[in-house]
Amino acid sequence: MSGWELFFHQGVQAFRHFTGREVDAPALRSALLDLHREAVEG
């Protein structure tokens, strides 16, 4: 597991723990990766 994946899963779990709300992890991952691509490609 990459550092990014570990950080991502920790963040999802922390959000769930502190808010009591579920996260659509696949949708969040996709959105974050899209934002990263946009930032890198300009």
PDB file of N, CA and C in Angstrom:
ATOM      1  N   MET A   1       0.851  -1.166   0.000  1.00  0.00           N
ATOM      2  CA  MET A   1       0.000   0.000   0.000  1.00  0.00           C
ATOM      3  C   MET A   1       0.900   1.232   0.000  1.00  0.00           C
ATOM      4  N   SER A   2       0.596   2.154  -0.869  1.00  0.00           N
ATOM      5  CA  SER A   2       1.403   3.373  -0.951  1.00  0.00           C
ATOM      6  C   SER A   2       1.090   4.298   0.230  1.00  0.00           C
ATOM      7  N   GLY A   3       1.967   5.252   0.448  1.00  0.00           N
ATOM      8  CA  GLY A   3       1.731   6.244   1.489  1.00  0.00           C
ATOM      9  C   GLY A   3       0.453   7.025   1.242  1.00  0.00           C
ATOM     10  N   TRP A   4       0.182   7.316  -0.036  1.00  0.00           N
ATOM     11  CA  TRP A   4      -1.037   8.057  -0.375  1.00  0.00           C
ATOM     12  C   TRP A   4      -2.276   7.260   0.006  1.00  0.00           C
ATOM     13  N   GLU A   5      -2.283   5.970  -0.310  1.00  0.00           N
ATOM     14  CA  GLU A   5      -3.435   5.125   0.023  1.00  0.00           C
ATOM     15  C   GLU A   5      -3.619   5.028   1.533  1.00  0.00           C
ATOM     16  N   LEU A   6      -2.529   4.882   2.267  1.00  0.00           N
ATOM     17  CA  LEU A   6      -2.614   4.811   3.724  1.00  0.00           C
ATOM     18  C   LEU A   6      -3.202   6.109   4.276  1.00  0.00           C
ATOM     19  N   PHE A   7      -2.691   7.244   3.832  1.00  0.00           N
ATOM     20  CA  PHE A   7      -3.191   8.546   4.271  1.00  0.00           C
ATOM     21  C   PHE A   7      -4.659   8.714   3.906  1.00  0.00           C
ATOM     22  N   PHE A   8      -5.038   8.304   2.696  1.00  0.00           N
ATOM     23  CA  PHE A   8      -6.417   8.409   2.237  1.00  0.00           C
ATOM     24  C   PHE A   8      -7.349   7.617   3.154  1.00  0.00           C
ATOM     25  N   HIS A   9      -7.007   6.363   3.418  1.00  0.00           N
ATOM     26  CA  HIS A   9      -7.869   5.513   4.242  1.00  0.00           C
ATOM     27  C   HIS A   9      -7.939   6.010   5.684  1.00  0.00           C
ATOM     28  N   GLN A  10      -6.831   6.516   6.202  1.00  0.00           N
ATOM     29  CA  GLN A  10      -6.857   7.088   7.549  1.00  0.00           C
ATOM     30  C   GLN A  10      -7.789   8.290   7.604  1.00  0.00           C
ATOM     31  N   GLY A  11      -7.736   9.113   6.561  1.00  0.00           N
ATOM     32  CA  GLY A  11      -8.610  10.288   6.509  1.00  0.00           C
ATOM     33  C   GLY A  11     -10.080   9.913   6.431  1.00  0.00           C
ATOM     34  N   VAL A  12     -10.392   8.905   5.619  1.00  0.00           N
ATOM     35  CA  VAL A  12     -11.779   8.445   5.499  1.00  0.00           C
ATOM     36  C   VAL A  12     -12.267   7.908   6.846  1.00  0.00           C
ATOM     37  N   GLN A  13     -11.433   7.106   7.500  1.00  0.00           N
ATOM     38  CA  GLN A  13     -11.815   6.551   8.799  1.00  0.00           C
ATOM     39  C   GLN A  13     -11.953   7.634   9.868  1.00  0.00           C
ATOM     40  N   ALA A  14     -11.057   8.613   9.856  1.00  0.00           N
ATOM     41  CA  ALA A  14     -11.135   9.703  10.829  1.00  0.00           C
ATOM     42  C   ALA A  14     -12.404  10.521  10.604  1.00  0.00           C
ATOM     43  N   PHE A  15     -12.729  10.802   9.355  1.00  0.00           N
ATOM     44  CA  PHE A  15     -13.951  11.553   9.058  1.00  0.00           C
ATOM     45  C   PHE A  15     -15.162  10.808   9.591  1.00  0.00           C
ATOM     46  N   ARG A  16     -15.216   9.508   9.321  1.00  0.00           N
ATOM     47  CA  ARG A  16     -16.331   8.679   9.784  1.00  0.00           C
ATOM     48  C   ARG A  16     -16.402   8.676  11.314  1.00  0.00           C
ATOM     49  N   HIS A  17     -15.262   8.562  11.962  1.00  0.00           N
ATOM     50  CA  HIS A  17     -15.211   8.513  13.425  1.00  0.00           C
ATOM     51  C   HIS A  17     -15.703   9.821  14.046  1.00  0.00           C
ATOM     52  N   PHE A  18     -15.223  10.946  13.547  1.00  0.00           N
ATOM     53  CA  PHE A  18     -15.524  12.232  14.183  1.00  0.00           C
ATOM     54  C   PHE A  18     -16.867  12.814  13.769  1.00  0.00           C
ATOM     55  N   THR A  19     -17.386  12.426  12.596  1.00  0.00           N
ATOM     56  CA  THR A  19     -18.666  12.994  12.153  1.00  0.00           C
ATOM     57  C   THR A  19     -19.817  12.008  12.253  1.00  0.00           C
ATOM     58  N   GLY A  20     -19.506  10.708  12.288  1.00  0.00           N
ATOM     59  CA  GLY A  20     -20.561   9.703  12.278  1.00  0.00           C
ATOM     60  C   GLY A  20     -21.202   9.530  10.917  1.00  0.00           C
ATOM     61  N   ARG A  21     -20.603  10.119   9.903  1.00  0.00           N
ATOM     62  CA  ARG A  21     -21.154  10.065   8.545  1.00  0.00           C
ATOM     63  C   ARG A  21     -20.292   9.158   7.675  1.00  0.00           C
ATOM     64  N   GLU A  22     -20.938   8.460   6.773  1.00  0.00           N
ATOM     65  CA  GLU A  22     -20.235   7.593   5.841  1.00  0.00           C
ATOM     66  C   GLU A  22     -19.641   8.415   4.700  1.00  0.00           C
ATOM     67  N   VAL A  23     -18.602   7.871   4.095  1.00  0.00           N
ATOM     68  CA  VAL A  23     -17.929   8.521   2.982  1.00  0.00           C
ATOM     69  C   VAL A  23     -17.981   7.570   1.787  1.00  0.00           C
ATOM     70  N   ASP A  24     -18.292   8.114   0.624  1.00  0.00           N
ATOM     71  CA  ASP A  24     -18.215   7.327  -0.609  1.00  0.00           C
ATOM     72  C   ASP A  24     -16.756   7.354  -1.044  1.00  0.00           C
ATOM     73  N   ALA A  25     -15.980   6.416  -0.499  1.00  0.00           N
ATOM     74  CA  ALA A  25     -14.531   6.419  -0.705  1.00  0.00           C
ATOM     75  C   ALA A  25     -14.133   6.339  -2.181  1.00  0.00           C
ATOM     76  N   PRO A  26     -14.752   5.476  -2.994  1.00  0.00           N
ATOM     77  CA  PRO A  26     -14.365   5.443  -4.413  1.00  0.00           C
ATOM     78  C   PRO A  26     -14.622   6.775  -5.126  1.00  0.00           C
ATOM     79  N   ALA A  27     -15.734   7.428  -4.819  1.00  0.00           N
ATOM     80  CA  ALA A  27     -16.036   8.715  -5.451  1.00  0.00           C
ATOM     81  C   ALA A  27     -15.062   9.792  -4.973  1.00  0.00           C
ATOM     82  N   LEU A  28     -14.743   9.771  -3.684  1.00  0.00           N
ATOM     83  CA  LEU A  28     -13.788  10.743  -3.145  1.00  0.00           C
ATOM     84  C   LEU A  28     -12.416  10.546  -3.761  1.00  0.00           C
ATOM     85  N   ARG A  29     -11.962   9.290  -3.856  1.00  0.00           N
ATOM     86  CA  ARG A  29     -10.662   9.002  -4.455  1.00  0.00           C
ATOM     87  C   ARG A  29     -10.610   9.515  -5.886  1.00  0.00           C
ATOM     88  N   SER A  30     -11.660   9.238  -6.641  1.00  0.00           N
ATOM     89  CA  SER A  30     -11.716   9.673  -8.039  1.00  0.00           C
ATOM     90  C   SER A  30     -11.666  11.198  -8.141  1.00  0.00           C
ATOM     91  N   ALA A  31     -12.430  11.882  -7.295  1.00  0.00           N
ATOM     92  CA  ALA A  31     -12.453  13.346  -7.326  1.00  0.00           C
ATOM     93  C   ALA A  31     -11.087  13.926  -6.960  1.00  0.00           C
ATOM     94  N   LEU A  32     -10.451  13.359  -5.947  1.00  0.00           N
ATOM     95  CA  LEU A  32      -9.132  13.855  -5.547  1.00  0.00           C
ATOM     96  C   LEU A  32      -8.087  13.619  -6.633  1.00  0.00           C
ATOM     97  N   LEU A  33      -8.141  12.456  -7.259  1.00  0.00           N
ATOM     98  CA  LEU A  33      -7.185  12.175  -8.330  1.00  0.00           C
ATOM     99  C   LEU A  33      -7.436  13.073  -9.544  1.00  0.00           C
ATOM    100  N   ASP A  34      -8.701  13.368  -9.842  1.00  0.00           N
ATOM    101  CA  ASP A  34      -9.014  14.302 -10.931  1.00  0.00           C
ATOM    102  C   ASP A  34      -8.448  15.686 -10.636  1.00  0.00           C
ATOM    103  N   LEU A  35      -8.618  16.156  -9.396  1.00  0.00           N
ATOM    104  CA  LEU A  35      -8.075  17.465  -9.009  1.00  0.00           C
ATOM    105  C   LEU A  35      -6.556  17.478  -9.112  1.00  0.00           C
ATOM    106  N   HIS A  36      -5.945  16.380  -8.714  1.00  0.00           N
ATOM    107  CA  HIS A  36      -4.484  16.293  -8.800  1.00  0.00           C
ATOM    108  C   HIS A  36      -4.032  16.356 -10.265  1.00  0.00           C
ATOM    109  N   ARG A  37      -4.703  15.604 -11.127  1.00  0.00           N
ATOM    110  CA  ARG A  37      -4.356  15.625 -12.557  1.00  0.00           C
ATOM    111  C   ARG A  37      -4.484  17.024 -13.130  1.00  0.00           C
ATOM    112  N   GLU A  38      -5.571  17.715 -12.794  1.00  0.00           N
ATOM    113  CA  GLU A  38      -5.798  19.080 -13.283  1.00  0.00           C
ATOM    114  C   GLU A  38      -4.675  20.013 -12.815  1.00  0.00           C
ATOM    115  N   ALA A  39      -4.261  19.866 -11.561  1.00  0.00           N
ATOM    116  CA  ALA A  39      -3.211  20.724 -11.017  1.00  0.00           C
ATOM    117  C   ALA A  39      -1.882  20.453 -11.700  1.00  0.00           C
ATOM    118  N   VAL A  40      -1.592  19.202 -11.988  1.00  0.00           N
ATOM    119  CA  VAL A  40      -0.318  18.842 -12.599  1.00  0.00           C
ATOM    120  C   VAL A  40      -0.286  19.239 -14.067  1.00  0.00           C
ATOM    121  N   GLU A  41      -1.396  19.006 -14.762  1.00  0.00           N
ATOM    122  CA  GLU A  41      -1.434  19.265 -16.201  1.00  0.00           C
ATOM    123  C   GLU A  41      -1.719  20.725 -16.529  1.00  0.00           C
ATOM    124  N   GLY A  42      -2.239  21.453 -15.552  1.00  0.00           N
ATOM    125  CA  GLY A  42      -2.490  22.886 -15.746  1.00  0.00           C
ATOM    126  C   GLY A  42      -3.754  23.252 -16.353  1.00  0.00           C
TER     127      GLY A  42
END
